[in-house]
């Protein structure tokens, strides 16, 4: 099995595989420089607190949460009803019975319903890795060119 990044590298380097080792390394280095620069420019163009991808996902989750109902059991445990399915959300532990809240560390619709009911800001409930600042730090690492 391969990961998506391995598949992406294989697809992009398909023609370069026939090059001698040094030229192949130069090609790969240049490719990583370009990708890193492109991602950094994209992160610089983000003006939301979260990165673009996660901000969009949060907005989509907010839209989905509008059709759900909530019943609080305690201050932190909520029963969220999505048509006929029920989910238990624990805000204190950042968990949901659907499993998505704790896996992705981003408030899913069930958690957003509970947060809205409690009038809590959702900023305390997502991973700091999704922030624009964290994204910027990821791509600030220099890819040093190979010496001649």
C-alpha atoms as a PDB file:
ATOM      1  CA  UNK A   1       0.000   0.000   0.000  1.00  0.00           C
ATOM      2  CA  UNK A   2       1.163   3.528  -0.701  1.00  0.00           C
ATOM      3  CA  UNK A   3       0.143   6.867   0.679  1.00  0.00           C
ATOM      4  CA  UNK A   4      -1.285   9.682  -1.392  1.00  0.00           C
ATOM      5  CA  UNK A   5       1.996  11.586  -1.214  1.00  0.00           C
ATOM      6  CA  UNK A   6       3.930   8.569  -2.549  1.00  0.00           C
ATOM      7  CA  UNK A   7       1.444   8.235  -5.403  1.00  0.00           C
ATOM      8  CA  UNK A   8       1.700  11.967  -6.136  1.00  0.00           C
ATOM      9  CA  UNK A   9       5.497  11.821  -6.215  1.00  0.00           C
ATOM     10  CA  UNK A  10       5.431   8.748  -8.441  1.00  0.00           C
ATOM     11  CA  UNK A  11       3.100  10.463 -10.897  1.00  0.00           C
ATOM     12  CA  UNK A  12       5.102  13.695 -11.012  1.00  0.00           C
ATOM     13  CA  UNK A  13       8.516  12.032 -11.246  1.00  0.00           C
ATOM     14  CA  UNK A  14       7.517   9.466 -13.853  1.00  0.00           C
ATOM     15  CA  UNK A  15       9.633  11.053 -16.611  1.00  0.00           C
ATOM     16  CA  UNK A  16      12.510  11.967 -14.276  1.00  0.00           C
ATOM     17  CA  UNK A  17      13.087   8.370 -13.128  1.00  0.00           C
ATOM     18  CA  UNK A  18      15.312   7.719 -16.126  1.00  0.00           C
ATOM     19  CA  UNK A  19      17.708  10.538 -15.164  1.00  0.00           C
ATOM     20  CA  UNK A  20      21.056   9.854 -13.492  1.00  0.00           C
ATOM     21  CA  UNK A  21      20.965   9.976  -9.678  1.00  0.00           C
ATOM     22  CA  UNK A  22      22.303  13.528  -9.255  1.00  0.00           C
ATOM     23  CA  UNK A  23      19.916  15.002 -11.838  1.00  0.00           C
ATOM     24  CA  UNK A  24      17.038  13.062 -10.276  1.00  0.00           C
ATOM     25  CA  UNK A  25      17.893  14.547  -6.857  1.00  0.00           C
ATOM     26  CA  UNK A  26      18.088  18.042  -8.371  1.00  0.00           C
ATOM     27  CA  UNK A  27      14.721  17.501 -10.051  1.00  0.00           C
ATOM     28  CA  UNK A  28      13.156  16.320  -6.771  1.00  0.00           C
ATOM     29  CA  UNK A  29      14.703  19.211  -4.834  1.00  0.00           C
ATOM     30  CA  UNK A  30      13.406  21.763  -7.342  1.00  0.00           C
ATOM     31  CA  UNK A  31       9.982  20.138  -7.248  1.00  0.00           C
ATOM     32  CA  UNK A  32       9.855  20.333  -3.427  1.00  0.00           C
ATOM     33  CA  UNK A  33      11.009  23.979  -3.538  1.00  0.00           C
ATOM     34  CA  UNK A  34       8.188  24.827  -5.947  1.00  0.00           C
ATOM     35  CA  UNK A  35       5.557  22.972  -3.925  1.00  0.00           C
ATOM     36  CA  UNK A  36       6.679  24.545  -0.653  1.00  0.00           C
ATOM     37  CA  UNK A  37       6.686  28.027  -2.173  1.00  0.00           C
ATOM     38  CA  UNK A  38       3.236  27.470  -3.699  1.00  0.00           C
ATOM     39  CA  UNK A  39       1.810  26.279  -0.364  1.00  0.00           C
ATOM     40  CA  UNK A  40       3.404  29.200   1.500  1.00  0.00           C
ATOM     41  CA  UNK A  41       1.919  31.697  -0.971  1.00  0.00           C
ATOM     42  CA  UNK A  42      -1.462  30.010  -0.559  1.00  0.00           C
ATOM     43  CA  UNK A  43      -1.168  30.227   3.246  1.00  0.00           C
ATOM     44  CA  UNK A  44      -0.166  33.904   2.977  1.00  0.00           C
ATOM     45  CA  UNK A  45      -3.340  34.502   0.975  1.00  0.00           C
ATOM     46  CA  UNK A  46      -5.521  33.099   3.742  1.00  0.00           C
ATOM     47  CA  UNK A  47      -7.223  35.784   5.792  1.00  0.00           C
ATOM     48  CA  UNK A  48      -9.288  33.587   8.093  1.00  0.00           C
ATOM     49  CA  UNK A  49      -8.176  32.252  11.467  1.00  0.00           C
ATOM     50  CA  UNK A  50      -8.248  28.692  10.148  1.00  0.00           C
ATOM     51  CA  UNK A  51      -6.625  27.533   6.932  1.00  0.00           C
ATOM     52  CA  UNK A  52      -8.877  27.732   3.849  1.00  0.00           C
ATOM     53  CA  UNK A  53      -9.610  23.999   3.743  1.00  0.00           C
ATOM     54  CA  UNK A  54     -10.593  23.780   7.415  1.00  0.00           C
ATOM     55  CA  UNK A  55     -12.521  27.040   7.371  1.00  0.00           C
ATOM     56  CA  UNK A  56     -14.597  25.693   4.456  1.00  0.00           C
ATOM     57  CA  UNK A  57     -15.130  22.402   6.280  1.00  0.00           C
ATOM     58  CA  UNK A  58     -16.253  24.260   9.400  1.00  0.00           C
ATOM     59  CA  UNK A  59     -18.685  26.361   7.337  1.00  0.00           C
ATOM     60  CA  UNK A  60     -20.094  23.197   5.707  1.00  0.00           C
ATOM     61  CA  UNK A  61     -20.493  21.612   9.152  1.00  0.00           C
ATOM     62  CA  UNK A  62     -22.239  24.740  10.416  1.00  0.00           C
ATOM     63  CA  UNK A  63     -24.727  24.502   7.545  1.00  0.00           C
ATOM     64  CA  UNK A  64     -25.396  20.814   8.278  1.00  0.00           C
ATOM     65  CA  UNK A  65     -25.878  21.552  11.972  1.00  0.00           C
ATOM     66  CA  UNK A  66     -28.772  23.941  11.260  1.00  0.00           C
ATOM     67  CA  UNK A  67     -31.231  21.072  10.747  1.00  0.00           C
ATOM     68  CA  UNK A  68     -30.323  19.235  13.945  1.00  0.00           C
ATOM     69  CA  UNK A  69     -31.898  19.530  17.390  1.00  0.00           C
ATOM     70  CA  UNK A  70     -30.271  19.352  20.787  1.00  0.00           C
ATOM     71  CA  UNK A  71     -31.204  18.357  24.318  1.00  0.00           C
ATOM     72  CA  UNK A  72     -28.742  19.069  27.092  1.00  0.00           C
ATOM     73  CA  UNK A  73     -28.213  16.370  29.681  1.00  0.00           C
ATOM     74  CA  UNK A  74     -25.653  18.379  31.667  1.00  0.00           C
ATOM     75  CA  UNK A  75     -23.551  21.452  30.967  1.00  0.00           C
ATOM     76  CA  UNK A  76     -21.143  19.437  28.838  1.00  0.00           C
ATOM     77  CA  UNK A  77     -23.112  16.392  27.674  1.00  0.00           C
ATOM     78  CA  UNK A  78     -25.674  16.923  24.933  1.00  0.00           C
ATOM     79  CA  UNK A  79     -28.060  14.689  23.055  1.00  0.00           C
ATOM     80  CA  UNK A  80     -28.067  15.765  19.388  1.00  0.00           C
ATOM     81  CA  UNK A  81     -30.858  14.556  17.141  1.00  0.00           C
ATOM     82  CA  UNK A  82     -30.253  14.356  13.389  1.00  0.00           C
ATOM     83  CA  UNK A  83     -33.597  13.302  11.870  1.00  0.00           C
ATOM     84  CA  UNK A  84     -33.963   9.829  13.498  1.00  0.00           C
ATOM     85  CA  UNK A  85     -30.372   9.301  14.712  1.00  0.00           C
ATOM     86  CA  UNK A  86     -29.148  10.394  18.129  1.00  0.00           C
ATOM     87  CA  UNK A  87     -25.597  11.343  18.995  1.00  0.00           C
ATOM     88  CA  UNK A  88     -24.055  12.062  22.373  1.00  0.00           C
ATOM     89  CA  UNK A  89     -21.637  14.981  22.454  1.00  0.00           C
ATOM     90  CA  UNK A  90     -19.351  15.646  25.407  1.00  0.00           C
ATOM     91  CA  UNK A  91     -17.862  19.112  25.042  1.00  0.00           C
ATOM     92  CA  UNK A  92     -15.631  18.743  28.081  1.00  0.00           C
ATOM     93  CA  UNK A  93     -13.753  15.784  26.523  1.00  0.00           C
ATOM     94  CA  UNK A  94     -14.248  16.948  22.912  1.00  0.00           C
ATOM     95  CA  UNK A  95     -15.936  13.677  21.976  1.00  0.00           C
ATOM     96  CA  UNK A  96     -18.971  12.580  19.996  1.00  0.00           C
ATOM     97  CA  UNK A  97     -20.523   9.158  19.639  1.00  0.00           C
ATOM     98  CA  UNK A  98     -20.075   9.436  15.842  1.00  0.00           C
ATOM     99  CA  UNK A  99     -16.296   9.465  16.418  1.00  0.00           C
ATOM    100  CA  UNK A 100     -15.477  12.313  14.024  1.00  0.00           C
ATOM    101  CA  UNK A 101     -15.044  15.074  16.614  1.00  0.00           C
ATOM    102  CA  UNK A 102     -12.228  13.267  18.442  1.00  0.00           C
ATOM    103  CA  UNK A 103     -10.548  11.913  15.289  1.00  0.00           C
ATOM    104  CA  UNK A 104     -10.379  15.117  13.255  1.00  0.00           C
ATOM    105  CA  UNK A 105     -10.282  17.536  16.191  1.00  0.00           C
ATOM    106  CA  UNK A 106     -12.632  19.844  14.302  1.00  0.00           C
ATOM    107  CA  UNK A 107     -16.201  20.487  15.490  1.00  0.00           C
ATOM    108  CA  UNK A 108     -18.531  18.394  13.383  1.00  0.00           C
ATOM    109  CA  UNK A 109     -22.224  19.268  13.012  1.00  0.00           C
ATOM    110  CA  UNK A 110     -23.218  17.434  16.196  1.00  0.00           C
ATOM    111  CA  UNK A 111     -20.660  19.349  18.259  1.00  0.00           C
ATOM    112  CA  UNK A 112     -21.603  22.643  16.607  1.00  0.00           C
ATOM    113  CA  UNK A 113     -25.238  22.133  17.658  1.00  0.00           C
ATOM    114  CA  UNK A 114     -24.135  21.657  21.276  1.00  0.00           C
ATOM    115  CA  UNK A 115     -21.770  24.641  21.097  1.00  0.00           C
ATOM    116  CA  UNK A 116     -24.508  26.847  19.672  1.00  0.00           C
ATOM    117  CA  UNK A 117     -26.892  25.738  22.439  1.00  0.00           C
ATOM    118  CA  UNK A 118     -24.268  26.572  25.098  1.00  0.00           C
ATOM    119  CA  UNK A 119     -23.418  29.843  23.323  1.00  0.00           C
ATOM    120  CA  UNK A 120     -19.757  28.720  23.344  1.00  0.00           C
ATOM    121  CA  UNK A 121     -17.219  29.901  20.784  1.00  0.00           C
ATOM    122  CA  UNK A 122     -16.025  27.011  18.622  1.00  0.00           C
ATOM    123  CA  UNK A 123     -12.423  28.311  18.607  1.00  0.00           C
ATOM    124  CA  UNK A 124     -11.658  26.337  21.783  1.00  0.00           C
ATOM    125  CA  UNK A 125     -12.717  23.079  20.152  1.00  0.00           C
ATOM    126  CA  UNK A 126     -10.495  22.602  17.123  1.00  0.00           C
ATOM    127  CA  UNK A 127      -6.887  21.562  16.865  1.00  0.00           C
ATOM    128  CA  UNK A 128      -4.328  24.397  16.805  1.00  0.00           C
ATOM    129  CA  UNK A 129      -2.758  22.614  13.811  1.00  0.00           C
ATOM    130  CA  UNK A 130      -5.626  23.887  11.621  1.00  0.00           C
ATOM    131  CA  UNK A 131      -4.858  27.556  12.220  1.00  0.00           C
ATOM    132  CA  UNK A 132      -3.378  29.835   9.597  1.00  0.00           C
ATOM    133  CA  UNK A 133      -0.395  30.464  11.875  1.00  0.00           C
ATOM    134  CA  UNK A 134       0.396  26.751  12.113  1.00  0.00           C
ATOM    135  CA  UNK A 135       0.009  26.379   8.360  1.00  0.00           C
ATOM    136  CA  UNK A 136       2.444  29.246   7.803  1.00  0.00           C
ATOM    137  CA  UNK A 137       4.996  27.645  10.133  1.00  0.00           C
ATOM    138  CA  UNK A 138       4.720  24.353   8.252  1.00  0.00           C
ATOM    139  CA  UNK A 139       5.810  25.923   4.964  1.00  0.00           C
ATOM    140  CA  UNK A 140       8.408  28.337   6.337  1.00  0.00           C
ATOM    141  CA  UNK A 141      10.974  25.535   6.385  1.00  0.00           C
ATOM    142  CA  UNK A 142      13.546  26.148   3.693  1.00  0.00           C
ATOM    143  CA  UNK A 143      14.325  23.543   1.088  1.00  0.00           C
ATOM    144  CA  UNK A 144      18.036  24.012   0.606  1.00  0.00           C
ATOM    145  CA  UNK A 145      19.256  23.758  -2.968  1.00  0.00           C
ATOM    146  CA  UNK A 146      21.790  21.053  -3.717  1.00  0.00           C
ATOM    147  CA  UNK A 147      25.381  22.232  -4.004  1.00  0.00           C
ATOM    148  CA  UNK A 148      27.058  21.882  -7.365  1.00  0.00           C
END
